[in-house]
Amino acid sequence: MLKNLKYMKVIDPDPTSLILEKIRIAEELFTDWGEYFYKDKEFLEKLKEYEKAIKVSNKIMEELGTFEECYNCSVIDNTGCCKIGLENEVTINILLINMFLNVKIPKEREVPGRCFFVGPTGCKIFARPYLCREYFCNRLMRLFSPEEYALVTQKISEELTLLYLINRYIRNELEFLLGDFLLELELTGYS
């Protein structure tokens, strides 16, 4: 049973405080209900399918040079998309999915002025929100042939469809277990 889970309270406008509150709630849910989900065969199948889809997308993106180009843009050129505050696109459910996949969730911002989840070599979480997967800027678009672009967007679309399905599954299960008050599971907060 959840002991201290509360509705999202009014917190400091610093984007770090919102993501830390989401992490706290996700850890609490994981501690209290992780075993329940790990015993659920349907959930485990969805989780495995989603993990496989991320690996396929990542492999294609790696082969096409998107990760290297994003690294150059963000770290070398000090521009890029992964700015402070973007971390709040990560929902409580996405944090939970990472926890179910045994991904260590950071406890502090490592790169000043950048997304909470950015490390010196890129993103530190495995399951990522929609915005972090469909981010093809003009700089990246110059890398792709039309066929490569079609391939990568197809694979990412498959991944994001599975993210939606597992996200809904977790939400439905938690609403069944805890009631229909969990709207903050999908709260973002990036603006």
Protein backbone atom coordinates (compact mmCIF):
# COMPACT_ATOMS: atom_id res chain seq x y z
CA MET A 1 0.00 0.00 0.00
CA LEU A 2 1.22 3.48 -0.71
CA LYS A 3 2.11 5.20 2.51
CA ASN A 4 2.94 8.77 1.59
CA LEU A 5 1.88 9.19 -2.03
CA LYS A 6 0.26 12.58 -2.33
CA TYR A 7 -1.09 14.59 -5.18
CA MET A 8 1.55 16.67 -6.86
CA LYS A 9 2.03 19.57 -4.51
CA VAL A 10 2.95 23.11 -5.51
CA ILE A 11 6.68 23.08 -5.87
CA ASP A 12 9.51 25.42 -6.72
CA PRO A 13 9.36 26.66 -10.34
CA ASP A 14 12.89 25.31 -10.91
CA PRO A 15 12.38 22.44 -13.40
CA THR A 16 14.64 20.23 -11.29
CA SER A 17 12.17 20.25 -8.40
CA LEU A 18 9.34 18.92 -10.60
CA ILE A 19 11.40 16.02 -11.97
CA LEU A 20 12.67 15.18 -8.47
CA GLU A 21 9.06 15.00 -7.27
CA LYS A 22 8.16 12.71 -10.19
CA ILE A 23 11.16 10.50 -9.39
CA ARG A 24 10.09 10.32 -5.73
CA ILE A 25 6.57 9.23 -6.68
CA ALA A 26 7.83 6.71 -9.26
CA GLU A 27 10.21 5.18 -6.71
CA GLU A 28 7.38 4.93 -4.20
CA LEU A 29 5.09 3.26 -6.73
CA PHE A 30 7.88 0.92 -7.84
CA THR A 31 8.66 -0.06 -4.25
CA ASP A 32 5.02 -0.70 -3.41
CA TRP A 33 3.83 -2.28 -6.68
CA GLY A 34 6.92 -3.49 -8.56
CA GLU A 35 6.45 -7.08 -7.44
CA TYR A 36 2.82 -6.98 -8.58
CA PHE A 37 3.87 -5.93 -12.09
CA TYR A 38 6.77 -8.41 -12.25
CA LYS A 39 4.25 -11.22 -11.66
CA ASP A 40 2.00 -10.00 -14.50
CA LYS A 41 2.81 -12.03 -17.64
CA GLU A 42 0.95 -9.64 -19.97
CA PHE A 43 2.91 -6.68 -18.58
CA LEU A 44 6.22 -8.52 -18.91
CA GLU A 45 5.45 -9.37 -22.54
CA LYS A 46 4.64 -5.73 -23.29
CA LEU A 47 7.80 -4.61 -21.50
CA LYS A 48 9.97 -7.06 -23.45
CA GLU A 49 8.40 -6.05 -26.77
CA TYR A 50 8.91 -2.36 -25.98
CA GLU A 51 12.54 -2.92 -24.93
CA LYS A 52 13.20 -4.76 -28.19
CA ALA A 53 11.63 -1.93 -30.21
CA ILE A 54 13.87 0.65 -28.50
CA LYS A 55 16.94 -1.44 -29.31
CA VAL A 56 15.90 -1.66 -32.97
CA SER A 57 15.30 2.10 -33.17
CA ASN A 58 18.58 2.84 -31.40
CA LYS A 59 20.52 0.55 -33.74
CA ILE A 60 19.13 2.25 -36.82
CA MET A 61 19.70 5.72 -35.35
CA GLU A 62 23.26 4.76 -34.44
CA GLU A 63 23.92 3.42 -37.94
CA LEU A 64 22.53 6.61 -39.50
CA GLY A 65 24.71 8.82 -37.29
CA THR A 66 21.92 10.61 -35.41
CA PHE A 67 23.40 10.03 -31.96
CA GLU A 68 26.81 11.31 -33.02
CA GLU A 69 25.26 14.36 -34.69
CA CYS A 70 23.16 15.11 -31.60
CA TYR A 71 26.25 14.77 -29.41
CA ASN A 72 28.15 17.20 -31.66
CA CYS A 73 25.24 19.64 -31.64
CA SER A 74 24.64 19.49 -27.89
CA VAL A 75 28.10 19.01 -26.40
CA ILE A 76 30.58 20.32 -28.95
CA ASP A 77 28.49 23.18 -30.41
CA ASN A 78 26.67 23.80 -27.10
CA THR A 79 23.31 24.10 -28.85
CA GLY A 80 20.91 21.21 -29.27
CA CYS A 81 17.47 20.22 -28.09
CA CYS A 82 18.17 18.70 -24.67
CA LYS A 83 17.91 21.94 -22.69
CA ILE A 84 17.08 22.41 -19.03
CA GLY A 85 13.38 21.79 -18.42
CA LEU A 86 13.01 19.20 -21.18
CA GLU A 87 13.32 16.51 -18.49
CA ASN A 88 9.77 17.27 -17.47
CA GLU A 89 8.49 15.58 -20.62
CA VAL A 90 9.45 12.41 -18.72
CA THR A 91 6.33 11.24 -16.92
CA ILE A 92 6.04 9.16 -13.78
CA ASN A 93 5.07 6.20 -15.97
CA ILE A 94 8.16 6.60 -18.15
CA LEU A 95 10.26 6.67 -15.00
CA LEU A 96 8.49 3.50 -13.85
CA ILE A 97 9.17 1.81 -17.19
CA ASN A 98 12.87 2.62 -16.82
CA MET A 99 12.81 1.19 -13.30
CA PHE A 100 11.13 -1.99 -14.57
CA LEU A 101 13.95 -2.21 -17.13
CA ASN A 102 16.53 -1.85 -14.32
CA VAL A 103 17.73 1.55 -15.54
CA LYS A 104 19.38 3.62 -12.83
CA ILE A 105 17.56 6.94 -12.51
CA PRO A 106 19.88 9.92 -11.91
CA LYS A 107 19.44 11.88 -8.69
CA GLU A 108 20.94 15.16 -9.87
CA ARG A 109 21.60 17.16 -13.01
CA GLU A 110 25.02 16.25 -14.34
CA VAL A 111 25.38 18.77 -17.19
CA PRO A 112 24.44 22.35 -16.22
CA GLY A 113 21.90 23.98 -18.52
CA ARG A 114 20.92 20.65 -20.08
CA CYS A 115 18.12 18.16 -19.52
CA PHE A 116 18.33 16.41 -16.14
CA PHE A 117 18.85 13.08 -17.94
CA VAL A 118 21.75 14.18 -20.16
CA GLY A 119 25.18 12.91 -19.25
CA PRO A 120 28.50 13.70 -20.91
CA THR A 121 27.86 11.08 -23.61
CA GLY A 122 24.10 11.38 -24.07
CA CYS A 123 20.81 10.39 -22.48
CA LYS A 124 21.04 8.34 -19.28
CA ILE A 125 17.57 6.77 -19.47
CA PHE A 126 16.47 4.04 -21.88
CA ALA A 127 12.71 4.57 -22.20
CA ARG A 128 12.18 8.16 -23.32
CA PRO A 129 9.17 10.37 -23.99
CA TYR A 130 7.73 10.99 -27.43
CA LEU A 131 9.44 14.36 -27.85
CA CYS A 132 12.85 12.79 -27.25
CA ARG A 133 12.33 10.16 -29.94
CA GLU A 134 10.75 12.22 -32.73
CA TYR A 135 13.12 15.14 -32.84
CA PHE A 136 14.41 15.30 -36.38
CA CYS A 137 15.67 18.83 -36.90
CA ASN A 138 17.01 20.26 -40.17
CA ARG A 139 20.54 19.37 -39.10
CA LEU A 140 19.58 15.70 -38.77
CA MET A 141 17.38 15.69 -41.85
CA ARG A 142 20.42 16.54 -43.99
CA LEU A 143 21.96 13.21 -42.90
CA PHE A 144 19.14 11.04 -44.25
CA SER A 145 18.18 9.90 -47.69
CA PRO A 146 14.39 9.71 -48.13
CA GLU A 147 14.61 5.92 -47.72
CA GLU A 148 16.62 6.22 -44.49
CA TYR A 149 14.18 8.78 -43.11
CA ALA A 150 11.24 6.48 -43.93
CA LEU A 151 12.98 3.55 -42.21
CA VAL A 152 13.89 5.42 -39.03
CA THR A 153 10.47 7.04 -38.67
CA GLN A 154 8.77 3.68 -39.20
CA LYS A 155 10.84 2.05 -36.44
CA ILE A 156 10.37 4.97 -34.08
CA SER A 157 6.62 4.93 -34.75
CA GLU A 158 6.53 1.24 -33.83
CA GLU A 159 8.48 2.01 -30.63
CA LEU A 160 6.21 4.92 -29.69
CA THR A 161 3.08 2.86 -30.31
CA LEU A 162 4.41 0.27 -27.86
CA LEU A 163 5.29 3.05 -25.39
CA TYR A 164 1.69 4.23 -25.59
CA LEU A 165 0.37 0.70 -25.01
CA ILE A 166 2.60 -0.07 -22.03
CA ASN A 167 1.97 3.38 -20.60
CA ARG A 168 -1.83 2.81 -20.80
CA TYR A 169 -1.43 -0.66 -19.30
CA ILE A 170 0.48 0.68 -16.28
CA ARG A 171 -1.99 3.52 -15.83
CA ASN A 172 -4.99 1.18 -16.00
CA GLU A 173 -3.45 -1.24 -13.50
CA LEU A 174 -2.54 1.53 -11.06
CA GLU A 175 -5.99 3.08 -11.37
CA PHE A 176 -7.49 -0.34 -10.63
CA LEU A 177 -5.21 -0.75 -7.60
CA LEU A 178 -5.31 2.79 -6.25
CA GLY A 179 -8.35 4.55 -7.70
CA ASP A 180 -9.01 6.98 -10.53
CA PHE A 181 -7.09 9.89 -9.03
CA LEU A 182 -3.74 9.30 -10.72
CA LEU A 183 -3.90 11.96 -13.43
CA GLU A 184 -0.40 13.15 -12.51
CA LEU A 185 1.11 9.93 -13.88
CA GLU A 186 1.17 11.61 -17.27
CA LEU A 187 1.96 15.14 -16.14
CA THR A 188 4.73 16.75 -18.15
CA GLY A 189 5.54 20.37 -17.37
CA TYR A 190 7.90 21.46 -20.12
CA SER A 191 7.19 24.85 -21.61
